[in-house]
């Protein structure tokens, strides 16, 4: 599982906490980008995905919107 994982979050998102806990529990390292604290990153995220919601997880150039452990694991296993 050497694919780069980036998790886009905000401070108040319970699903963001769930995703981060899931990744930690699976032993998957990731970079967190808090779009609430970095609005420019949030703007770039919307341009890339067309989605304003969080969490958004980028795994090797593919995107997962929301808390979706099954899809996260599928993308990591590719």
Protein backbone atom coordinates (compact mmCIF):
# COMPACT_ATOMS: atom_id res chain seq x y z
CA UNK A 1 0.00 0.00 0.00
CA UNK A 2 2.40 2.64 -1.17
CA UNK A 3 -0.13 4.90 -2.88
CA UNK A 4 -0.20 8.52 -1.75
CA UNK A 5 -3.27 9.27 0.35
CA UNK A 6 -4.49 12.81 1.01
CA UNK A 7 -7.52 13.53 3.18
CA UNK A 8 -9.26 16.90 2.82
CA UNK A 9 -11.06 17.87 6.03
CA UNK A 10 -12.60 20.64 8.13
CA UNK A 11 -12.53 21.15 11.89
CA UNK A 12 -16.22 20.38 12.41
CA UNK A 13 -16.74 17.35 10.15
CA UNK A 14 -17.54 14.12 12.05
CA UNK A 15 -17.03 12.01 8.90
CA UNK A 16 -13.54 13.47 8.53
CA UNK A 17 -12.71 12.16 12.01
CA UNK A 18 -14.14 8.77 11.04
CA UNK A 19 -11.99 8.60 7.89
CA UNK A 20 -8.84 9.59 9.77
CA UNK A 21 -9.56 7.02 12.51
CA UNK A 22 -10.20 4.34 9.89
CA UNK A 23 -6.91 5.07 8.11
CA UNK A 24 -5.02 5.09 11.42
CA UNK A 25 -6.63 1.77 12.42
CA UNK A 26 -5.59 0.26 9.07
CA UNK A 27 -2.02 1.53 9.48
CA UNK A 28 -2.34 3.72 6.38
CA UNK A 29 -0.31 6.93 6.43
CA UNK A 30 -1.89 10.00 4.89
CA UNK A 31 -1.50 13.73 4.50
CA UNK A 32 -4.29 15.87 5.92
CA UNK A 33 -5.29 19.14 4.27
CA UNK A 34 -7.71 21.17 6.39
CA UNK A 35 -9.64 23.30 3.90
CA UNK A 36 -11.20 25.32 6.72
CA UNK A 37 -7.75 26.51 7.76
CA UNK A 38 -6.46 26.65 4.17
CA UNK A 39 -9.24 28.17 2.01
CA UNK A 40 -7.00 28.23 -1.06
CA UNK A 41 -6.65 24.45 -0.87
CA UNK A 42 -10.44 24.27 -0.60
CA UNK A 43 -10.84 26.29 -3.78
CA UNK A 44 -8.38 24.02 -5.59
CA UNK A 45 -10.27 20.98 -4.33
CA UNK A 46 -13.58 22.24 -5.72
CA UNK A 47 -11.89 22.96 -9.08
CA UNK A 48 -10.44 19.42 -9.19
CA UNK A 49 -13.50 17.47 -8.10
CA UNK A 50 -16.50 19.76 -8.50
CA UNK A 51 -17.48 18.80 -4.95
CA UNK A 52 -17.65 21.08 -1.93
CA UNK A 53 -18.22 18.41 0.71
CA UNK A 54 -15.66 16.79 2.96
CA UNK A 55 -14.09 14.45 3.60
CA UNK A 56 -12.60 13.93 0.20
CA UNK A 57 -9.82 11.42 -0.11
CA UNK A 58 -7.36 11.33 -2.99
CA UNK A 59 -5.67 7.98 -3.49
CA UNK A 60 -3.19 7.76 -6.33
CA UNK A 61 -5.06 10.39 -8.36
CA UNK A 62 -8.52 8.87 -7.77
CA UNK A 63 -11.14 10.39 -5.49
CA UNK A 64 -13.45 9.12 -2.77
CA UNK A 65 -16.15 11.46 -1.47
CA UNK A 66 -17.31 10.92 2.10
CA UNK A 67 -16.68 8.11 4.53
CA UNK A 68 -16.46 5.03 2.29
CA UNK A 69 -14.03 2.47 3.75
CA UNK A 70 -14.83 -0.16 1.11
CA UNK A 71 -13.89 2.11 -1.80
CA UNK A 72 -10.83 3.39 0.06
CA UNK A 73 -9.54 -0.16 0.50
CA UNK A 74 -10.35 -1.07 -3.12
CA UNK A 75 -8.30 1.85 -4.40
CA UNK A 76 -5.41 1.06 -2.07
CA UNK A 77 -5.32 -2.54 -3.26
CA UNK A 78 -5.10 -1.65 -6.98
